[in-house]
């Protein structure tokens, strides 16, 4: 599965780079994370609980950061496995400063998913992954704003991440919209041809009169 896109963070590039090296922020941005330990400056190990459709379960794995060019770019390698299956992926991330106010992040990568979790279908996996990434970015945006404000005011950052219930509800909302889109497509595929068929029958009958 191919993943690519971009996101604008509301903060300077150096702060965005530092945030991505904070295991507390990363773990809080993804509800379902049961553990995330920093093994070294370039390696994290943890457990995360994932639900996709009727398939759910815990994954344990590692995240390795390599090819670092601070604070401009890096490569992320993920390996995880659990009862629902396995996931392997490599992604490239690039941060571009937009003045001192915002930072553009561009990412692209390839992910391999196998086991029971892959049986839910490509469309659902795409929908869930996009929903999860959107919410992770929203959480990181809020954490970044608080970190920048706290630093300017000389205090400890105090950020409250979304709960698992809020996270799950948002994914469900995105999925319901996706299902609506599918229903709309089916309407076009079925209703339009039927309409053409009735029009054709009417035309033939009128010629026979």
C-alpha atoms as a PDB file:
ATOM      1  CA  UNK A   1       0.000   0.000   0.000  1.00  0.00           C
ATOM      2  CA  UNK A   2       1.361   3.397  -1.015  1.00  0.00           C
ATOM      3  CA  UNK A   3       1.149   6.342   1.367  1.00  0.00           C
ATOM      4  CA  UNK A   4       2.015   9.882   0.377  1.00  0.00           C
ATOM      5  CA  UNK A   5       0.907  13.390   1.167  1.00  0.00           C
ATOM      6  CA  UNK A   6       1.779  16.558   2.996  1.00  0.00           C
ATOM      7  CA  UNK A   7       0.808  18.517   6.083  1.00  0.00           C
ATOM      8  CA  UNK A   8       1.403  22.067   7.323  1.00  0.00           C
ATOM      9  CA  UNK A   9       2.425  22.251  10.986  1.00  0.00           C
ATOM     10  CA  UNK A  10       1.695  25.500  12.880  1.00  0.00           C
ATOM     11  CA  UNK A  11       5.212  26.004  14.178  1.00  0.00           C
ATOM     12  CA  UNK A  12       8.897  26.485  13.219  1.00  0.00           C
ATOM     13  CA  UNK A  13      10.813  23.588  11.702  1.00  0.00           C
ATOM     14  CA  UNK A  14      13.178  23.101  14.649  1.00  0.00           C
ATOM     15  CA  UNK A  15      10.237  22.687  17.031  1.00  0.00           C
ATOM     16  CA  UNK A  16       8.505  20.238  14.687  1.00  0.00           C
ATOM     17  CA  UNK A  17      11.697  18.168  14.427  1.00  0.00           C
ATOM     18  CA  UNK A  18      12.117  18.095  18.209  1.00  0.00           C
ATOM     19  CA  UNK A  19       8.483  17.058  18.682  1.00  0.00           C
ATOM     20  CA  UNK A  20       8.979  13.984  16.503  1.00  0.00           C
ATOM     21  CA  UNK A  21      11.704  12.834  18.884  1.00  0.00           C
ATOM     22  CA  UNK A  22       9.473  13.057  21.962  1.00  0.00           C
ATOM     23  CA  UNK A  23       8.031   9.583  22.721  1.00  0.00           C
ATOM     24  CA  UNK A  24       5.418  11.047  25.075  1.00  0.00           C
ATOM     25  CA  UNK A  25       3.965  13.262  22.338  1.00  0.00           C
ATOM     26  CA  UNK A  26       4.101  10.493  19.725  1.00  0.00           C
ATOM     27  CA  UNK A  27       2.365   8.010  22.034  1.00  0.00           C
ATOM     28  CA  UNK A  28      -0.349  10.487  23.038  1.00  0.00           C
ATOM     29  CA  UNK A  29      -1.058  11.406  19.412  1.00  0.00           C
ATOM     30  CA  UNK A  30      -2.149   7.829  18.673  1.00  0.00           C
ATOM     31  CA  UNK A  31      -4.773   6.494  21.109  1.00  0.00           C
ATOM     32  CA  UNK A  32      -4.383   2.754  21.381  1.00  0.00           C
ATOM     33  CA  UNK A  33      -0.660   3.029  22.030  1.00  0.00           C
ATOM     34  CA  UNK A  34      -0.107   0.850  25.081  1.00  0.00           C
ATOM     35  CA  UNK A  35       3.645   1.413  25.344  1.00  0.00           C
ATOM     36  CA  UNK A  36       6.319   3.390  23.510  1.00  0.00           C
ATOM     37  CA  UNK A  37       9.877   3.203  24.842  1.00  0.00           C
ATOM     38  CA  UNK A  38      12.845   5.109  23.501  1.00  0.00           C
ATOM     39  CA  UNK A  39      15.646   2.566  23.010  1.00  0.00           C
ATOM     40  CA  UNK A  40      18.036   5.139  21.544  1.00  0.00           C
ATOM     41  CA  UNK A  41      17.887   8.483  19.759  1.00  0.00           C
ATOM     42  CA  UNK A  42      17.044   6.606  16.572  1.00  0.00           C
ATOM     43  CA  UNK A  43      14.954   3.677  17.811  1.00  0.00           C
ATOM     44  CA  UNK A  44      11.610   3.200  19.561  1.00  0.00           C
ATOM     45  CA  UNK A  45       9.876   0.025  20.672  1.00  0.00           C
ATOM     46  CA  UNK A  46       6.253  -0.311  21.696  1.00  0.00           C
ATOM     47  CA  UNK A  47       2.807  -1.883  21.560  1.00  0.00           C
ATOM     48  CA  UNK A  48      -0.333  -0.511  19.946  1.00  0.00           C
ATOM     49  CA  UNK A  49      -3.907  -1.774  19.796  1.00  0.00           C
ATOM     50  CA  UNK A  50      -5.523  -1.478  16.367  1.00  0.00           C
ATOM     51  CA  UNK A  51      -9.073  -2.078  15.132  1.00  0.00           C
ATOM     52  CA  UNK A  52     -10.001  -2.226  11.445  1.00  0.00           C
ATOM     53  CA  UNK A  53     -13.571  -3.334  10.810  1.00  0.00           C
ATOM     54  CA  UNK A  54     -14.178  -6.579  12.677  1.00  0.00           C
ATOM     55  CA  UNK A  55     -10.463  -7.305  13.035  1.00  0.00           C
ATOM     56  CA  UNK A  56      -8.663  -6.046  16.133  1.00  0.00           C
ATOM     57  CA  UNK A  57      -5.667  -6.854  18.266  1.00  0.00           C
ATOM     58  CA  UNK A  58      -2.312  -5.676  19.606  1.00  0.00           C
ATOM     59  CA  UNK A  59       0.845  -5.175  17.584  1.00  0.00           C
ATOM     60  CA  UNK A  60       4.361  -5.043  18.990  1.00  0.00           C
ATOM     61  CA  UNK A  61       7.129  -3.565  16.923  1.00  0.00           C
ATOM     62  CA  UNK A  62       9.956  -1.138  16.336  1.00  0.00           C
ATOM     63  CA  UNK A  63      10.374   2.236  14.703  1.00  0.00           C
ATOM     64  CA  UNK A  64      13.861   3.096  13.442  1.00  0.00           C
ATOM     65  CA  UNK A  65      14.892   6.576  12.281  1.00  0.00           C
ATOM     66  CA  UNK A  66      17.757   6.738   9.795  1.00  0.00           C
ATOM     67  CA  UNK A  67      19.322   8.959   7.104  1.00  0.00           C
ATOM     68  CA  UNK A  68      18.832  11.952   9.384  1.00  0.00           C
ATOM     69  CA  UNK A  69      19.532  15.448   8.104  1.00  0.00           C
ATOM     70  CA  UNK A  70      18.351  17.604  11.069  1.00  0.00           C
ATOM     71  CA  UNK A  71      15.977  19.342  10.900  1.00  0.00           C
ATOM     72  CA  UNK A  72      15.285  18.702   7.221  1.00  0.00           C
ATOM     73  CA  UNK A  73      14.627  15.021   6.504  1.00  0.00           C
ATOM     74  CA  UNK A  74      14.804  11.419   7.687  1.00  0.00           C
ATOM     75  CA  UNK A  75      13.728   7.879   6.856  1.00  0.00           C
ATOM     76  CA  UNK A  76      11.343   5.880   9.049  1.00  0.00           C
ATOM     77  CA  UNK A  77      11.311   2.066   9.085  1.00  0.00           C
ATOM     78  CA  UNK A  78       8.531   0.195  10.888  1.00  0.00           C
ATOM     79  CA  UNK A  79       8.233  -3.512  11.663  1.00  0.00           C
ATOM     80  CA  UNK A  80       5.376  -4.875  13.734  1.00  0.00           C
ATOM     81  CA  UNK A  81       3.509  -8.106  14.284  1.00  0.00           C
ATOM     82  CA  UNK A  82       0.712  -9.456  16.424  1.00  0.00           C
ATOM     83  CA  UNK A  83      -2.407 -11.606  16.431  1.00  0.00           C
ATOM     84  CA  UNK A  84      -4.065  -9.625  13.586  1.00  0.00           C
ATOM     85  CA  UNK A  85      -1.051 -10.071  11.273  1.00  0.00           C
ATOM     86  CA  UNK A  86       2.039  -8.047  10.441  1.00  0.00           C
ATOM     87  CA  UNK A  87       3.024  -4.652   9.082  1.00  0.00           C
ATOM     88  CA  UNK A  88       6.262  -3.554   7.452  1.00  0.00           C
ATOM     89  CA  UNK A  89       6.963  -0.156   6.029  1.00  0.00           C
ATOM     90  CA  UNK A  90       9.537   2.395   4.972  1.00  0.00           C
ATOM     91  CA  UNK A  91       8.750   6.090   4.686  1.00  0.00           C
ATOM     92  CA  UNK A  92      10.664   9.219   3.773  1.00  0.00           C
ATOM     93  CA  UNK A  93       9.854  12.516   5.478  1.00  0.00           C
ATOM     94  CA  UNK A  94      10.983  16.011   4.503  1.00  0.00           C
ATOM     95  CA  UNK A  95      10.403  19.211   6.485  1.00  0.00           C
ATOM     96  CA  UNK A  96      10.475  22.594   4.752  1.00  0.00           C
ATOM     97  CA  UNK A  97      10.410  25.812   6.754  1.00  0.00           C
ATOM     98  CA  UNK A  98       7.832  28.371   5.652  1.00  0.00           C
ATOM     99  CA  UNK A  99       9.176  31.455   7.372  1.00  0.00           C
ATOM    100  CA  UNK A 100       9.264  31.195  11.161  1.00  0.00           C
ATOM    101  CA  UNK A 101       5.576  30.426  11.481  1.00  0.00           C
ATOM    102  CA  UNK A 102       4.776  27.131   9.764  1.00  0.00           C
ATOM    103  CA  UNK A 103       6.514  23.993   8.499  1.00  0.00           C
ATOM    104  CA  UNK A 104       5.537  21.874   5.519  1.00  0.00           C
ATOM    105  CA  UNK A 105       5.999  18.142   5.909  1.00  0.00           C
ATOM    106  CA  UNK A 106       5.964  15.924   2.821  1.00  0.00           C
ATOM    107  CA  UNK A 107       5.968  12.156   3.197  1.00  0.00           C
ATOM    108  CA  UNK A 108       5.910   9.105   0.962  1.00  0.00           C
ATOM    109  CA  UNK A 109       6.384   5.431   1.613  1.00  0.00           C
ATOM    110  CA  UNK A 110       5.316   1.851   1.080  1.00  0.00           C
ATOM    111  CA  UNK A 111       3.585  -0.380   3.609  1.00  0.00           C
ATOM    112  CA  UNK A 112       3.084  -4.141   3.464  1.00  0.00           C
ATOM    113  CA  UNK A 113       0.209  -5.586   5.490  1.00  0.00           C
ATOM    114  CA  UNK A 114      -0.424  -9.292   5.883  1.00  0.00           C
ATOM    115  CA  UNK A 115      -2.429 -11.741   7.945  1.00  0.00           C
ATOM    116  CA  UNK A 116      -6.029 -11.451   9.113  1.00  0.00           C
ATOM    117  CA  UNK A 117      -6.021  -7.651   9.069  1.00  0.00           C
ATOM    118  CA  UNK A 118      -5.364  -7.677   5.314  1.00  0.00           C
ATOM    119  CA  UNK A 119      -8.627  -9.578   4.748  1.00  0.00           C
ATOM    120  CA  UNK A 120     -10.762  -6.483   5.424  1.00  0.00           C
ATOM    121  CA  UNK A 121     -10.004  -5.196   1.949  1.00  0.00           C
ATOM    122  CA  UNK A 122      -7.858  -2.482   0.408  1.00  0.00           C
ATOM    123  CA  UNK A 123     -10.569   0.175   0.383  1.00  0.00           C
ATOM    124  CA  UNK A 124     -11.264  -0.118   4.103  1.00  0.00           C
ATOM    125  CA  UNK A 125      -7.544  -0.162   4.925  1.00  0.00           C
ATOM    126  CA  UNK A 126      -7.081   3.011   2.869  1.00  0.00           C
ATOM    127  CA  UNK A 127     -10.026   4.726   4.570  1.00  0.00           C
ATOM    128  CA  UNK A 128      -8.922   3.790   8.089  1.00  0.00           C
ATOM    129  CA  UNK A 129      -5.289   4.749   7.480  1.00  0.00           C
ATOM    130  CA  UNK A 130      -6.273   8.163   6.075  1.00  0.00           C
ATOM    131  CA  UNK A 131      -8.621   8.775   9.001  1.00  0.00           C
ATOM    132  CA  UNK A 132      -5.951   7.791  11.523  1.00  0.00           C
ATOM    133  CA  UNK A 133      -3.308   9.976   9.874  1.00  0.00           C
ATOM    134  CA  UNK A 134      -5.657  12.972   9.783  1.00  0.00           C
ATOM    135  CA  UNK A 135      -6.326  12.637  13.495  1.00  0.00           C
ATOM    136  CA  UNK A 136      -2.670  12.063  14.355  1.00  0.00           C
ATOM    137  CA  UNK A 137      -1.757  15.276  12.527  1.00  0.00           C
ATOM    138  CA  UNK A 138      -4.516  17.173  14.329  1.00  0.00           C
ATOM    139  CA  UNK A 139      -3.222  15.899  17.682  1.00  0.00           C
ATOM    140  CA  UNK A 140       0.364  16.793  16.790  1.00  0.00           C
ATOM    141  CA  UNK A 141      -0.751  20.276  15.713  1.00  0.00           C
ATOM    142  CA  UNK A 142      -2.322  20.908  19.124  1.00  0.00           C
ATOM    143  CA  UNK A 143       0.693  19.470  20.936  1.00  0.00           C
ATOM    144  CA  UNK A 144       3.038  21.657  18.866  1.00  0.00           C
ATOM    145  CA  UNK A 145       1.078  24.844  19.584  1.00  0.00           C
ATOM    146  CA  UNK A 146       1.179  24.078  23.315  1.00  0.00           C
ATOM    147  CA  UNK A 147       4.912  23.254  23.242  1.00  0.00           C
ATOM    148  CA  UNK A 148       5.761  26.501  21.444  1.00  0.00           C
ATOM    149  CA  UNK A 149       3.572  28.565  23.817  1.00  0.00           C
ATOM    150  CA  UNK A 150       5.009  26.858  26.897  1.00  0.00           C
ATOM    151  CA  UNK A 151       8.566  27.479  25.720  1.00  0.00           C
ATOM    152  CA  UNK A 152       7.847  31.158  25.088  1.00  0.00           C
ATOM    153  CA  UNK A 153       6.253  31.523  28.539  1.00  0.00           C
ATOM    154  CA  UNK A 154       8.925  29.544  30.360  1.00  0.00           C
ATOM    155  CA  UNK A 155       6.657  26.804  31.677  1.00  0.00           C
ATOM    156  CA  UNK A 156       6.011  23.087  31.252  1.00  0.00           C
ATOM    157  CA  UNK A 157       3.822  22.108  28.327  1.00  0.00           C
ATOM    158  CA  UNK A 158       0.382  20.873  29.376  1.00  0.00           C
ATOM    159  CA  UNK A 159      -1.337  19.036  26.553  1.00  0.00           C
ATOM    160  CA  UNK A 160      -4.367  16.782  26.877  1.00  0.00           C
ATOM    161  CA  UNK A 161      -4.528  14.243  24.023  1.00  0.00           C
ATOM    162  CA  UNK A 162      -7.829  12.878  22.688  1.00  0.00           C
ATOM    163  CA  UNK A 163      -9.222   9.819  24.429  1.00  0.00           C
ATOM    164  CA  UNK A 164      -9.521   6.442  22.747  1.00  0.00           C
ATOM    165  CA  UNK A 165     -13.308   6.906  22.684  1.00  0.00           C
ATOM    166  CA  UNK A 166     -12.982  10.256  20.878  1.00  0.00           C
ATOM    167  CA  UNK A 167     -10.437   8.780  18.481  1.00  0.00           C
ATOM    168  CA  UNK A 168     -12.625   5.747  17.694  1.00  0.00           C
ATOM    169  CA  UNK A 169     -15.703   7.949  17.216  1.00  0.00           C
ATOM    170  CA  UNK A 170     -13.835  10.116  14.696  1.00  0.00           C
ATOM    171  CA  UNK A 171     -12.662   7.050  12.749  1.00  0.00           C
ATOM    172  CA  UNK A 172     -16.230   5.708  12.713  1.00  0.00           C
ATOM    173  CA  UNK A 173     -17.480   9.059  11.398  1.00  0.00           C
ATOM    174  CA  UNK A 174     -14.914   9.042   8.595  1.00  0.00           C
ATOM    175  CA  UNK A 175     -15.777   5.436   7.764  1.00  0.00           C
ATOM    176  CA  UNK A 176     -19.506   6.211   7.616  1.00  0.00           C
ATOM    177  CA  UNK A 177     -18.778   8.954   5.085  1.00  0.00           C
ATOM    178  CA  UNK A 178     -16.701   6.495   3.090  1.00  0.00           C
ATOM    179  CA  UNK A 179     -19.581   4.009   3.088  1.00  0.00           C
ATOM    180  CA  UNK A 180     -21.899   6.798   1.956  1.00  0.00           C
ATOM    181  CA  UNK A 181     -19.570   7.485  -0.930  1.00  0.00           C
ATOM    182  CA  UNK A 182     -19.712   3.797  -1.863  1.00  0.00           C
ATOM    183  CA  UNK A 183     -23.513   3.902  -1.758  1.00  0.00           C
ATOM    184  CA  UNK A 184     -23.512   6.954  -4.038  1.00  0.00           C
ATOM    185  CA  UNK A 185     -21.251   5.183  -6.512  1.00  0.00           C
ATOM    186  CA  UNK A 186     -23.524   2.148  -6.488  1.00  0.00           C
ATOM    187  CA  UNK A 187     -26.494   4.420  -7.161  1.00  0.00           C
ATOM    188  CA  UNK A 188     -24.767   5.748 -10.262  1.00  0.00           C
ATOM    189  CA  UNK A 189     -23.757   2.276 -11.406  1.00  0.00           C
ATOM    190  CA  UNK A 190     -27.229   0.763 -10.970  1.00  0.00           C
ATOM    191  CA  UNK A 191     -29.818   3.519 -11.287  1.00  0.00           C
ATOM    192  CA  UNK A 192     -28.387   5.241 -14.363  1.00  0.00           C
ATOM    193  CA  UNK A 193     -28.203   2.057 -16.508  1.00  0.00           C
ATOM    194  CA  UNK A 194     -31.751   1.119 -15.404  1.00  0.00           C
ATOM    195  CA  UNK A 195     -32.966   4.577 -16.419  1.00  0.00           C
ATOM    196  CA  UNK A 196     -31.322   4.200 -19.823  1.00  0.00           C
ATOM    197  CA  UNK A 197     -32.901   0.760 -20.209  1.00  0.00           C
ATOM    198  CA  UNK A 198     -36.422   2.095 -19.469  1.00  0.00           C
ATOM    199  CA  UNK A 199     -35.867   4.981 -21.874  1.00  0.00           C
ATOM    200  CA  UNK A 200     -34.800   2.540 -24.575  1.00  0.00           C
ATOM    201  CA  UNK A 201     -37.865   0.329 -23.981  1.00  0.00           C
ATOM    202  CA  UNK A 202     -40.111   3.391 -24.179  1.00  0.00           C
ATOM    203  CA  UNK A 203     -38.528   4.423 -27.436  1.00  0.00           C
ATOM    204  CA  UNK A 204     -39.013   0.938 -28.951  1.00  0.00           C
ATOM    205  CA  UNK A 205     -42.673   0.798 -27.841  1.00  0.00           C
ATOM    206  CA  UNK A 206     -43.353   4.233 -29.349  1.00  0.00           C
ATOM    207  CA  UNK A 207     -41.939   3.070 -32.687  1.00  0.00           C
ATOM    208  CA  UNK A 208     -44.177   0.009 -32.665  1.00  0.00           C
ATOM    209  CA  UNK A 209     -47.388   2.002 -32.210  1.00  0.00           C
END
